[in-house]
Every structure is written in C-alpha cells, then in structure tokens.
Amino acid sequence: MKNVFKLLGIIALVAVSAFSMAACDSSGNDSSGNDGGSNGGGGNEKSIRITGLDEFYGSSYQLGLATSVDKLYAEDLVSFAEGTIRSGTQTAPLLDYKTGDPWTGSGSYYVGVYLDRDAFVTKSRKSFNSSVTTLSIDDFDYAD
C-alpha cells in the first residue's frame, strides 16, 4: 500500500501541473489535428461519481485511475480528478493524465483516492465504459 501514497502524491503533482499548463494556454483552440485517441472532443468525456462521502464534507480530494494496483506509478495512471467534497455524493470530470484534457477513454481500472489525509484504493478493477461511473466509498479499502 506504500505505492498508493506514491500514486496520490503523483496525482497531486500532475493535477497542479496540468491545471497550470491549461491556465497558460487559454486560447481554447484545438486546431492541432487531434489524433482521435483517448482525448477527442467528441462529447464522450467521462466522470466519476462517488457516494457515501457525508463524513468527508469539505475535504479536498485527488483521485486517479490506474492499470495496476501493485504498481501505482505514473506510467500506470490514465486519468485523474481533484476538488473539494461538497455533498455526500461527489461527481468529478476525469482528465487525461498526460494532457489534462477531458478523458474519453474506457476500460477497467483501479481507483485510488486521497481524501485529506486518508488514502483509499478500490478492491477490484472498476468499469469505465459509461459517461458517468458511480462507485460507493464502500467499494474502497483503506490504504494503511
């Protein structure tokens, strides 16, 4: 589970970097010939909804989707989100780990989430094929 903490630290750094880059390039134009990979602007953006967060109201969160629970390193991350818990159910748009653009990928991934000082990871891979994937905080194990 030490790797979970590495994941969460990496998520935080990437999120700050991605949002900093986005702030610098505010033109909003994507005339660079998007290659149609996992980040196309075709309206297939994915979000994650986590329920059962009442006790975490007001807490900041960072989360990431990874291909492996044993090696939660940067090369295994595909998507991330961050923000503040504003209700018992939090919905967050997922962003591509490499570009910071809205994530339009799909598949099954482990989810690591850091809520203030507590780290959690899903017990199994979760499917991200719908526009919104809903998980309960009960789907996560506490990472000690």
C-alpha atoms as a PDB file:
ATOM      1  CA  MET A   1       0.000   0.000   0.000  1.00  0.00           C
ATOM      2  CA  LYS A   2       3.017   2.319   0.139  1.00  0.00           C
ATOM      3  CA  ASN A   3       2.616   2.631  -3.617  1.00  0.00           C
ATOM      4  CA  VAL A   4      -0.869   4.063  -3.091  1.00  0.00           C
ATOM      5  CA  PHE A   5       0.726   7.026  -1.382  1.00  0.00           C
ATOM      6  CA  LYS A   6       3.133   7.412  -4.298  1.00  0.00           C
ATOM      7  CA  LEU A   7       0.137   7.389  -6.643  1.00  0.00           C
ATOM      8  CA  LEU A   8      -1.664  10.032  -4.670  1.00  0.00           C
ATOM      9  CA  GLY A   9       1.405  12.235  -4.495  1.00  0.00           C
ATOM     10  CA  ILE A  10       1.899  11.874  -8.227  1.00  0.00           C
ATOM     11  CA  ILE A  11      -1.768  12.670  -8.840  1.00  0.00           C
ATOM     12  CA  ALA A  12      -1.467  15.860  -6.833  1.00  0.00           C
ATOM     13  CA  LEU A  13       1.660  16.960  -8.710  1.00  0.00           C
ATOM     14  CA  VAL A  14       0.175  16.114 -12.091  1.00  0.00           C
ATOM     15  CA  ALA A  15      -3.060  17.889 -11.334  1.00  0.00           C
ATOM     16  CA  VAL A  16      -1.242  21.060 -10.342  1.00  0.00           C
ATOM     17  CA  SER A  17       0.954  20.844 -13.455  1.00  0.00           C
ATOM     18  CA  ALA A  18      -1.967  20.135 -15.768  1.00  0.00           C
ATOM     19  CA  PHE A  19      -4.041  22.994 -14.446  1.00  0.00           C
ATOM     20  CA  SER A  20      -1.040  25.325 -14.592  1.00  0.00           C
ATOM     21  CA  MET A  21      -0.472  24.433 -18.252  1.00  0.00           C
ATOM     22  CA  ALA A  22      -4.160  24.873 -19.004  1.00  0.00           C
ATOM     23  CA  ALA A  23      -4.093  28.332 -17.449  1.00  0.00           C
ATOM     24  CA  CYS A  24      -1.122  29.323 -19.617  1.00  0.00           C
ATOM     25  CA  ASP A  25      -2.796  28.187 -22.850  1.00  0.00           C
ATOM     26  CA  SER A  26      -6.207  29.799 -22.621  1.00  0.00           C
ATOM     27  CA  SER A  27      -6.827  30.066 -26.349  1.00  0.00           C
ATOM     28  CA  GLY A  28      -9.274  27.162 -26.223  1.00  0.00           C
ATOM     29  CA  ASN A  29      -8.414  26.207 -29.807  1.00  0.00           C
ATOM     30  CA  ASP A  30      -7.739  22.619 -30.767  1.00  0.00           C
ATOM     31  CA  SER A  31      -6.738  23.118 -34.354  1.00  0.00           C
ATOM     32  CA  SER A  32      -3.667  20.967 -33.886  1.00  0.00           C
ATOM     33  CA  GLY A  33      -5.201  17.925 -35.521  1.00  0.00           C
ATOM     34  CA  ASN A  34      -6.349  15.826 -32.600  1.00  0.00           C
ATOM     35  CA  ASP A  35      -5.380  12.273 -33.428  1.00  0.00           C
ATOM     36  CA  GLY A  36      -8.705  10.795 -32.281  1.00  0.00           C
ATOM     37  CA  GLY A  37      -7.067   8.900 -29.406  1.00  0.00           C
ATOM     38  CA  SER A  38      -8.488   8.803 -25.912  1.00  0.00           C
ATOM     39  CA  ASN A  39      -8.909  12.586 -25.746  1.00  0.00           C
ATOM     40  CA  GLY A  40     -11.072  13.538 -28.683  1.00  0.00           C
ATOM     41  CA  GLY A  41     -13.533  16.354 -28.177  1.00  0.00           C
ATOM     42  CA  GLY A  42     -16.458  14.253 -29.360  1.00  0.00           C
ATOM     43  CA  GLY A  43     -18.541  14.677 -26.230  1.00  0.00           C
ATOM     44  CA  ASN A  44     -17.567  11.295 -24.765  1.00  0.00           C
ATOM     45  CA  GLU A  45     -15.997  12.782 -21.652  1.00  0.00           C
ATOM     46  CA  LYS A  46     -16.107  10.534 -18.594  1.00  0.00           C
ATOM     47  CA  SER A  47     -16.881  11.410 -14.992  1.00  0.00           C
ATOM     48  CA  ILE A  48     -16.747   9.538 -11.726  1.00  0.00           C
ATOM     49  CA  ARG A  49     -19.426   9.776  -9.027  1.00  0.00           C
ATOM     50  CA  ILE A  50     -18.618   8.576  -5.514  1.00  0.00           C
ATOM     51  CA  THR A  51     -21.402   8.163  -2.958  1.00  0.00           C
ATOM     52  CA  GLY A  52     -21.281   7.821   0.830  1.00  0.00           C
ATOM     53  CA  LEU A  53     -18.967  10.784   1.385  1.00  0.00           C
ATOM     54  CA  ASP A  54     -21.000  12.587   4.075  1.00  0.00           C
ATOM     55  CA  GLU A  55     -18.234  12.302   6.684  1.00  0.00           C
ATOM     56  CA  PHE A  56     -15.744  13.873   4.254  1.00  0.00           C
ATOM     57  CA  TYR A  57     -17.760  17.053   3.564  1.00  0.00           C
ATOM     58  CA  GLY A  58     -15.368  19.943   2.967  1.00  0.00           C
ATOM     59  CA  SER A  59     -12.385  17.644   2.419  1.00  0.00           C
ATOM     60  CA  SER A  60     -10.160  18.038  -0.593  1.00  0.00           C
ATOM     61  CA  TYR A  61      -9.687  15.001  -2.803  1.00  0.00           C
ATOM     62  CA  GLN A  62      -7.385  13.749  -5.524  1.00  0.00           C
ATOM     63  CA  LEU A  63      -8.066  10.534  -7.368  1.00  0.00           C
ATOM     64  CA  GLY A  64      -6.541   8.561 -10.180  1.00  0.00           C
ATOM     65  CA  LEU A  65      -7.362   5.612 -12.411  1.00  0.00           C
ATOM     66  CA  ALA A  66      -4.541   3.107 -12.798  1.00  0.00           C
ATOM     67  CA  THR A  67      -3.983  -0.109 -14.705  1.00  0.00           C
ATOM     68  CA  SER A  68      -2.319  -1.868 -11.771  1.00  0.00           C
ATOM     69  CA  VAL A  69      -2.873  -1.776  -8.034  1.00  0.00           C
ATOM     70  CA  ASP A  70       0.591  -3.203  -7.348  1.00  0.00           C
ATOM     71  CA  LYS A  71       2.460  -0.556  -9.336  1.00  0.00           C
ATOM     72  CA  LEU A  72       0.560   2.688  -8.907  1.00  0.00           C
ATOM     73  CA  TYR A  73       3.246   4.725 -10.618  1.00  0.00           C
ATOM     74  CA  ALA A  74       2.967   7.468 -13.191  1.00  0.00           C
ATOM     75  CA  GLU A  75       3.225   5.120 -16.171  1.00  0.00           C
ATOM     76  CA  ASP A  76       0.169   3.207 -14.918  1.00  0.00           C
ATOM     77  CA  LEU A  77      -2.071   6.272 -14.495  1.00  0.00           C
ATOM     78  CA  VAL A  78      -4.560   7.058 -17.227  1.00  0.00           C
ATOM     79  CA  SER A  79      -6.835   9.652 -15.648  1.00  0.00           C
ATOM     80  CA  PHE A  80      -7.217  11.888 -12.590  1.00  0.00           C
ATOM     81  CA  ALA A  81      -9.582  14.311 -10.860  1.00  0.00           C
ATOM     82  CA  GLU A  82      -9.402  16.650  -7.897  1.00  0.00           C
ATOM     83  CA  GLY A  83     -11.580  19.064  -5.975  1.00  0.00           C
ATOM     84  CA  THR A  84     -13.489  19.531  -2.732  1.00  0.00           C
ATOM     85  CA  ILE A  85     -16.284  17.316  -1.397  1.00  0.00           C
ATOM     86  CA  ARG A  86     -19.461  19.441  -1.396  1.00  0.00           C
ATOM     87  CA  SER A  87     -22.071  16.767  -0.560  1.00  0.00           C
ATOM     88  CA  GLY A  88     -22.428  13.099   0.292  1.00  0.00           C
ATOM     89  CA  THR A  89     -22.205  12.360  -3.429  1.00  0.00           C
ATOM     90  CA  GLN A  90     -19.355  13.892  -5.414  1.00  0.00           C
ATOM     91  CA  THR A  91     -19.222  13.866  -9.206  1.00  0.00           C
ATOM     92  CA  ALA A  92     -15.947  14.842 -10.857  1.00  0.00           C
ATOM     93  CA  PRO A  93     -14.944  15.077 -14.513  1.00  0.00           C
ATOM     94  CA  LEU A  94     -11.996  12.830 -15.309  1.00  0.00           C
ATOM     95  CA  LEU A  95      -8.969  14.348 -17.007  1.00  0.00           C
ATOM     96  CA  ASP A  96      -6.333  12.620 -19.111  1.00  0.00           C
ATOM     97  CA  TYR A  97      -3.216  12.040 -17.021  1.00  0.00           C
ATOM     98  CA  LYS A  98      -0.810  13.099 -19.783  1.00  0.00           C
ATOM     99  CA  THR A  99      -2.600  16.105 -21.252  1.00  0.00           C
ATOM    100  CA  GLY A 100      -5.091  17.403 -18.689  1.00  0.00           C
ATOM    101  CA  ASP A 101      -7.819  17.301 -21.360  1.00  0.00           C
ATOM    102  CA  PRO A 102     -11.194  15.677 -20.633  1.00  0.00           C
ATOM    103  CA  TRP A 103     -10.723  11.907 -20.550  1.00  0.00           C
ATOM    104  CA  THR A 104     -12.779   9.930 -23.087  1.00  0.00           C
ATOM    105  CA  GLY A 105     -11.178   6.527 -22.584  1.00  0.00           C
ATOM    106  CA  SER A 106     -12.816   3.332 -21.430  1.00  0.00           C
ATOM    107  CA  GLY A 107     -11.908   0.062 -19.787  1.00  0.00           C
ATOM    108  CA  SER A 108     -11.467  -1.333 -16.288  1.00  0.00           C
ATOM    109  CA  TYR A 109      -9.178   0.374 -13.793  1.00  0.00           C
ATOM    110  CA  TYR A 110      -8.264   0.520 -10.153  1.00  0.00           C
ATOM    111  CA  VAL A 111      -9.182   3.801  -8.495  1.00  0.00           C
ATOM    112  CA  GLY A 112      -7.015   5.399  -5.825  1.00  0.00           C
ATOM    113  CA  VAL A 113      -8.408   8.350  -3.890  1.00  0.00           C
ATOM    114  CA  TYR A 114      -6.856  10.617  -1.314  1.00  0.00           C
ATOM    115  CA  LEU A 115      -9.329  12.418   0.961  1.00  0.00           C
ATOM    116  CA  ASP A 116      -7.403  14.966   3.025  1.00  0.00           C
ATOM    117  CA  ARG A 117      -5.099  12.625   4.962  1.00  0.00           C
ATOM    118  CA  ASP A 118      -6.809   9.301   4.229  1.00  0.00           C
ATOM    119  CA  ALA A 119      -5.907   7.128   1.228  1.00  0.00           C
ATOM    120  CA  PHE A 120      -8.218   4.523  -0.295  1.00  0.00           C
ATOM    121  CA  VAL A 121      -7.994   2.140  -3.241  1.00  0.00           C
ATOM    122  CA  THR A 122     -10.709   0.068  -4.904  1.00  0.00           C
ATOM    123  CA  LYS A 123     -10.836  -3.608  -4.031  1.00  0.00           C
ATOM    124  CA  SER A 124     -11.017  -4.577  -7.716  1.00  0.00           C
ATOM    125  CA  ARG A 125     -10.963  -3.020 -11.176  1.00  0.00           C
ATOM    126  CA  LYS A 126     -13.975  -0.857 -11.971  1.00  0.00           C
ATOM    127  CA  SER A 127     -15.509  -0.469 -15.419  1.00  0.00           C
ATOM    128  CA  PHE A 128     -15.367   2.976 -17.038  1.00  0.00           C
ATOM    129  CA  ASN A 129     -17.455   2.471 -20.169  1.00  0.00           C
ATOM    130  CA  SER A 130     -20.386   4.804 -19.354  1.00  0.00           C
ATOM    131  CA  SER A 131     -20.247   8.581 -19.339  1.00  0.00           C
ATOM    132  CA  VAL A 132     -20.587   8.512 -15.525  1.00  0.00           C
ATOM    133  CA  THR A 133     -19.226   5.675 -13.393  1.00  0.00           C
ATOM    134  CA  THR A 134     -20.760   5.520  -9.919  1.00  0.00           C
ATOM    135  CA  LEU A 135     -18.877   3.987  -7.010  1.00  0.00           C
ATOM    136  CA  SER A 136     -19.583   3.921  -3.284  1.00  0.00           C
ATOM    137  CA  ILE A 137     -16.916   4.721  -0.736  1.00  0.00           C
ATOM    138  CA  ASP A 138     -17.622   1.133   0.390  1.00  0.00           C
ATOM    139  CA  ASP A 139     -16.019  -0.059  -2.891  1.00  0.00           C
ATOM    140  CA  PHE A 140     -12.684   1.158  -1.497  1.00  0.00           C
ATOM    141  CA  ASP A 141     -10.290  -0.292   1.070  1.00  0.00           C
ATOM    142  CA  TYR A 142      -8.433   1.968   3.447  1.00  0.00           C
ATOM    143  CA  ALA A 143      -4.783   2.095   2.394  1.00  0.00           C
ATOM    144  CA  ASP A 144      -2.650   1.819   5.514  1.00  0.00           C
END
